[in-house]
Amino acid sequence: MSRPKASAGFTLIELMIVVVLLAIFASIALPSFNTSLTNSRLQSASNELVSLIQYARSIAVQNNQSMNICVSSGVWSVRKSCTDANATVLRSFTPPSSVTISATVTSLTFRSNGTASATASLVACTNNAAATGYKLSVQTSGFVRLNAQGKDGTAALSSCTAS
């Protein structure tokens, strides 16, 4: 029986080298992927909170009545009254478990003209890392501002605690 002179394919050694190289590249890329995923969750939660606040303001103006943003057990909700347990929740937001939100207020009222009852600051962070956190400010005029990641206006965000 004769053997073919040229055989096509890979040897077991070549295949093992490729698998080892892929494992090395994957182990290098995985931490960067996890960081990107964490940052994406934090940015998404911050944007959702801004959206909830803007929704409460627009509903207050649209219905010509005050609307409240209430926080209870980590759940942020828009309702007509924070004290009435039977008040209908118009919209709510529960941040992911990895995201912590610190606020200077536990409730905020938007009046029928779109103004807020008080100024408020909110800070969203993961792992208590202010450098990657987002600060959100609500002015009494009703203006809502989400600062860039790790920023408090033009300065660096110094803490994950709202002040």
C-alpha atoms as a PDB file:
ATOM      1  CA  MET A   1       0.000   0.000   0.000  1.00  0.00           C
ATOM      2  CA  SER A   2       1.460   3.353  -0.980  1.00  0.00           C
ATOM      3  CA  ARG A   3       1.220   6.619   0.981  1.00  0.00           C
ATOM      4  CA  PRO A   4       0.203   9.905  -0.640  1.00  0.00           C
ATOM      5  CA  LYS A   5       3.168  12.225  -1.068  1.00  0.00           C
ATOM      6  CA  ALA A   6       1.398  15.452  -0.003  1.00  0.00           C
ATOM      7  CA  SER A   7      -1.302  15.354   2.640  1.00  0.00           C
ATOM      8  CA  ALA A   8      -3.522  18.352   3.376  1.00  0.00           C
ATOM      9  CA  GLY A   9      -4.508  19.486   6.863  1.00  0.00           C
ATOM     10  CA  PHE A  10      -3.040  20.476  10.209  1.00  0.00           C
ATOM     11  CA  THR A  11      -0.948  18.457  12.570  1.00  0.00           C
ATOM     12  CA  LEU A  12      -1.973  18.082  16.188  1.00  0.00           C
ATOM     13  CA  ILE A  13       0.934  20.300  17.269  1.00  0.00           C
ATOM     14  CA  GLU A  14      -0.133  23.141  14.939  1.00  0.00           C
ATOM     15  CA  LEU A  15      -3.700  22.913  16.209  1.00  0.00           C
ATOM     16  CA  MET A  16      -2.563  23.032  19.862  1.00  0.00           C
ATOM     17  CA  ILE A  17      -0.403  26.111  19.177  1.00  0.00           C
ATOM     18  CA  VAL A  18      -3.387  27.930  17.656  1.00  0.00           C
ATOM     19  CA  VAL A  19      -5.607  27.005  20.636  1.00  0.00           C
ATOM     20  CA  VAL A  20      -2.976  28.233  23.125  1.00  0.00           C
ATOM     21  CA  LEU A  21      -2.577  31.534  21.220  1.00  0.00           C
ATOM     22  CA  LEU A  22      -6.360  32.050  21.197  1.00  0.00           C
ATOM     23  CA  ALA A  23      -6.484  31.399  24.959  1.00  0.00           C
ATOM     24  CA  ILE A  24      -3.742  33.959  25.569  1.00  0.00           C
ATOM     25  CA  PHE A  25      -5.490  36.611  23.458  1.00  0.00           C
ATOM     26  CA  ALA A  26      -8.820  35.912  25.194  1.00  0.00           C
ATOM     27  CA  SER A  27      -7.262  36.273  28.653  1.00  0.00           C
ATOM     28  CA  ILE A  28      -5.823  39.645  27.630  1.00  0.00           C
ATOM     29  CA  ALA A  29      -9.111  40.903  26.171  1.00  0.00           C
ATOM     30  CA  LEU A  30     -11.468  39.700  28.933  1.00  0.00           C
ATOM     31  CA  PRO A  31     -10.635  42.353  31.581  1.00  0.00           C
ATOM     32  CA  SER A  32     -11.115  45.132  29.023  1.00  0.00           C
ATOM     33  CA  PHE A  33     -14.451  43.628  28.015  1.00  0.00           C
ATOM     34  CA  ASN A  34     -15.615  43.470  31.650  1.00  0.00           C
ATOM     35  CA  THR A  35     -14.641  47.114  32.187  1.00  0.00           C
ATOM     36  CA  SER A  36     -16.513  48.131  29.038  1.00  0.00           C
ATOM     37  CA  LEU A  37     -19.579  46.194  30.157  1.00  0.00           C
ATOM     38  CA  THR A  38     -19.536  47.822  33.617  1.00  0.00           C
ATOM     39  CA  ASN A  39     -19.133  51.311  32.132  1.00  0.00           C
ATOM     40  CA  SER A  40     -21.960  50.638  29.690  1.00  0.00           C
ATOM     41  CA  ARG A  41     -24.314  49.581  32.508  1.00  0.00           C
ATOM     42  CA  LEU A  42     -23.434  52.688  34.504  1.00  0.00           C
ATOM     43  CA  GLN A  43     -23.957  55.029  31.553  1.00  0.00           C
ATOM     44  CA  SER A  44     -27.251  53.336  30.694  1.00  0.00           C
ATOM     45  CA  ALA A  45     -28.496  53.664  34.286  1.00  0.00           C
ATOM     46  CA  SER A  46     -27.519  57.353  34.361  1.00  0.00           C
ATOM     47  CA  ASN A  47     -29.301  58.031  31.075  1.00  0.00           C
ATOM     48  CA  GLU A  48     -32.396  56.178  32.302  1.00  0.00           C
ATOM     49  CA  LEU A  49     -32.464  58.316  35.452  1.00  0.00           C
ATOM     50  CA  VAL A  50     -32.236  61.507  33.377  1.00  0.00           C
ATOM     51  CA  SER A  51     -35.061  60.209  31.208  1.00  0.00           C
ATOM     52  CA  LEU A  52     -37.211  59.492  34.286  1.00  0.00           C
ATOM     53  CA  ILE A  53     -36.681  63.022  35.619  1.00  0.00           C
ATOM     54  CA  GLN A  54     -37.460  64.620  32.257  1.00  0.00           C
ATOM     55  CA  TYR A  55     -40.560  62.412  31.980  1.00  0.00           C
ATOM     56  CA  ALA A  56     -41.824  63.604  35.385  1.00  0.00           C
ATOM     57  CA  ARG A  57     -41.319  67.218  34.366  1.00  0.00           C
ATOM     58  CA  SER A  58     -43.078  66.805  31.021  1.00  0.00           C
ATOM     59  CA  ILE A  59     -46.040  64.970  32.589  1.00  0.00           C
ATOM     60  CA  ALA A  60     -46.391  67.756  35.182  1.00  0.00           C
ATOM     61  CA  VAL A  61     -46.563  70.384  32.428  1.00  0.00           C
ATOM     62  CA  GLN A  62     -48.745  68.293  30.137  1.00  0.00           C
ATOM     63  CA  ASN A  63     -51.340  67.505  32.835  1.00  0.00           C
ATOM     64  CA  ASN A  64     -51.053  70.930  34.507  1.00  0.00           C
ATOM     65  CA  GLN A  65     -50.511  69.329  37.923  1.00  0.00           C
ATOM     66  CA  SER A  66     -47.585  68.557  40.207  1.00  0.00           C
ATOM     67  CA  MET A  67     -45.695  65.295  39.745  1.00  0.00           C
ATOM     68  CA  ASN A  68     -43.255  63.701  42.146  1.00  0.00           C
ATOM     69  CA  ILE A  69     -40.164  61.592  41.761  1.00  0.00           C
ATOM     70  CA  CYS A  70     -39.909  59.303  44.751  1.00  0.00           C
ATOM     71  CA  VAL A  71     -37.222  56.872  45.815  1.00  0.00           C
ATOM     72  CA  SER A  72     -38.040  53.923  48.021  1.00  0.00           C
ATOM     73  CA  SER A  73     -35.856  50.861  48.576  1.00  0.00           C
ATOM     74  CA  GLY A  74     -33.661  51.845  45.647  1.00  0.00           C
ATOM     75  CA  VAL A  75     -36.580  52.105  43.190  1.00  0.00           C
ATOM     76  CA  TRP A  76     -37.132  55.496  41.563  1.00  0.00           C
ATOM     77  CA  SER A  77     -40.724  56.210  40.504  1.00  0.00           C
ATOM     78  CA  VAL A  78     -42.897  58.969  39.072  1.00  0.00           C
ATOM     79  CA  ARG A  79     -46.249  59.409  40.815  1.00  0.00           C
ATOM     80  CA  LYS A  80     -48.665  62.102  41.855  1.00  0.00           C
ATOM     81  CA  SER A  81     -47.883  61.720  45.563  1.00  0.00           C
ATOM     82  CA  CYS A  82     -44.986  60.125  47.419  1.00  0.00           C
ATOM     83  CA  THR A  83     -46.952  59.846  50.669  1.00  0.00           C
ATOM     84  CA  ASP A  84     -50.018  58.101  49.219  1.00  0.00           C
ATOM     85  CA  ALA A  85     -49.325  54.363  48.984  1.00  0.00           C
ATOM     86  CA  ASN A  86     -52.238  53.985  46.530  1.00  0.00           C
ATOM     87  CA  ALA A  87     -50.921  56.621  44.101  1.00  0.00           C
ATOM     88  CA  THR A  88     -50.474  55.205  40.614  1.00  0.00           C
ATOM     89  CA  VAL A  89     -46.882  54.735  39.542  1.00  0.00           C
ATOM     90  CA  LEU A  90     -46.586  56.229  36.058  1.00  0.00           C
ATOM     91  CA  ARG A  91     -43.036  55.093  35.449  1.00  0.00           C
ATOM     92  CA  SER A  92     -40.297  53.505  37.548  1.00  0.00           C
ATOM     93  CA  PHE A  93     -36.625  52.678  37.356  1.00  0.00           C
ATOM     94  CA  THR A  94     -34.623  50.121  39.299  1.00  0.00           C
ATOM     95  CA  PRO A  95     -30.872  50.516  38.804  1.00  0.00           C
ATOM     96  CA  PRO A  96     -28.781  47.388  38.160  1.00  0.00           C
ATOM     97  CA  SER A  97     -27.381  45.779  41.322  1.00  0.00           C
ATOM     98  CA  SER A  98     -23.852  46.904  40.417  1.00  0.00           C
ATOM     99  CA  VAL A  99     -24.892  50.586  40.241  1.00  0.00           C
ATOM    100  CA  THR A 100     -25.375  52.706  43.359  1.00  0.00           C
ATOM    101  CA  ILE A 101     -27.189  56.038  43.213  1.00  0.00           C
ATOM    102  CA  SER A 102     -26.672  58.653  45.890  1.00  0.00           C
ATOM    103  CA  ALA A 103     -29.007  61.675  46.043  1.00  0.00           C
ATOM    104  CA  THR A 104     -29.382  64.847  48.092  1.00  0.00           C
ATOM    105  CA  VAL A 105     -33.177  64.371  48.137  1.00  0.00           C
ATOM    106  CA  THR A 106     -35.545  61.434  48.635  1.00  0.00           C
ATOM    107  CA  SER A 107     -38.292  63.069  46.602  1.00  0.00           C
ATOM    108  CA  LEU A 108     -38.547  65.867  44.077  1.00  0.00           C
ATOM    109  CA  THR A 109     -41.676  67.671  42.932  1.00  0.00           C
ATOM    110  CA  PHE A 110     -42.154  69.217  39.527  1.00  0.00           C
ATOM    111  CA  ARG A 111     -44.847  71.895  39.424  1.00  0.00           C
ATOM    112  CA  SER A 112     -47.296  72.421  36.569  1.00  0.00           C
ATOM    113  CA  ASN A 113     -45.049  75.104  35.055  1.00  0.00           C
ATOM    114  CA  GLY A 114     -42.072  72.692  34.890  1.00  0.00           C
ATOM    115  CA  THR A 115     -40.100  74.115  37.798  1.00  0.00           C
ATOM    116  CA  ALA A 116     -38.692  71.875  40.524  1.00  0.00           C
ATOM    117  CA  SER A 117     -39.409  72.249  44.219  1.00  0.00           C
ATOM    118  CA  ALA A 118     -35.685  72.164  45.060  1.00  0.00           C
ATOM    119  CA  THR A 119     -32.277  71.662  43.552  1.00  0.00           C
ATOM    120  CA  ALA A 120     -31.022  68.103  43.573  1.00  0.00           C
ATOM    121  CA  SER A 121     -27.771  66.304  42.917  1.00  0.00           C
ATOM    122  CA  LEU A 122     -27.520  62.618  42.109  1.00  0.00           C
ATOM    123  CA  VAL A 123     -24.370  60.554  41.638  1.00  0.00           C
ATOM    124  CA  ALA A 124     -24.331  57.120  40.002  1.00  0.00           C
ATOM    125  CA  CYS A 125     -21.268  54.931  40.588  1.00  0.00           C
ATOM    126  CA  THR A 126     -20.040  51.365  40.461  1.00  0.00           C
ATOM    127  CA  ASN A 127     -17.594  49.968  43.008  1.00  0.00           C
ATOM    128  CA  ASN A 128     -17.488  53.393  44.722  1.00  0.00           C
ATOM    129  CA  ALA A 129     -15.231  54.676  41.915  1.00  0.00           C
ATOM    130  CA  ALA A 130     -15.836  58.398  41.482  1.00  0.00           C
ATOM    131  CA  ALA A 131     -13.503  58.537  38.477  1.00  0.00           C
ATOM    132  CA  THR A 132     -16.033  56.540  36.440  1.00  0.00           C
ATOM    133  CA  GLY A 133     -19.209  57.927  38.046  1.00  0.00           C
ATOM    134  CA  TYR A 134     -21.828  60.257  36.611  1.00  0.00           C
ATOM    135  CA  LYS A 135     -23.210  63.343  38.378  1.00  0.00           C
ATOM    136  CA  LEU A 136     -26.692  64.550  37.556  1.00  0.00           C
ATOM    137  CA  SER A 137     -27.976  67.980  38.625  1.00  0.00           C
ATOM    138  CA  VAL A 138     -31.545  69.267  38.720  1.00  0.00           C
ATOM    139  CA  GLN A 139     -32.040  73.019  39.056  1.00  0.00           C
ATOM    140  CA  THR A 140     -35.147  74.742  40.392  1.00  0.00           C
ATOM    141  CA  SER A 141     -35.854  75.959  36.859  1.00  0.00           C
ATOM    142  CA  GLY A 142     -36.384  72.307  35.929  1.00  0.00           C
ATOM    143  CA  PHE A 143     -33.186  72.060  33.889  1.00  0.00           C
ATOM    144  CA  VAL A 144     -31.563  68.619  34.125  1.00  0.00           C
ATOM    145  CA  ARG A 145     -27.855  68.183  33.411  1.00  0.00           C
ATOM    146  CA  LEU A 146     -25.849  64.973  33.177  1.00  0.00           C
ATOM    147  CA  ASN A 147     -22.120  65.689  33.463  1.00  0.00           C
ATOM    148  CA  ALA A 148     -19.470  63.748  31.579  1.00  0.00           C
ATOM    149  CA  GLN A 149     -18.140  60.587  33.152  1.00  0.00           C
ATOM    150  CA  GLY A 150     -15.981  61.341  36.187  1.00  0.00           C
ATOM    151  CA  LYS A 151     -16.773  65.069  36.068  1.00  0.00           C
ATOM    152  CA  ASP A 152     -18.514  67.517  38.371  1.00  0.00           C
ATOM    153  CA  GLY A 153     -18.924  70.386  35.969  1.00  0.00           C
ATOM    154  CA  THR A 154     -15.366  71.113  34.844  1.00  0.00           C
ATOM    155  CA  ALA A 155     -13.674  69.555  37.900  1.00  0.00           C
ATOM    156  CA  ALA A 156     -13.134  65.870  38.599  1.00  0.00           C
ATOM    157  CA  LEU A 157     -15.867  64.064  40.517  1.00  0.00           C
ATOM    158  CA  SER A 158     -14.372  63.622  43.994  1.00  0.00           C
ATOM    159  CA  SER A 159     -16.877  61.294  45.644  1.00  0.00           C
ATOM    160  CA  CYS A 160     -19.727  58.903  44.922  1.00  0.00           C
ATOM    161  CA  THR A 161     -21.783  60.685  47.582  1.00  0.00           C
ATOM    162  CA  ALA A 162     -24.123  63.412  46.320  1.00  0.00           C
ATOM    163  CA  SER A 163     -23.539  66.832  47.809  1.00  0.00           C
END
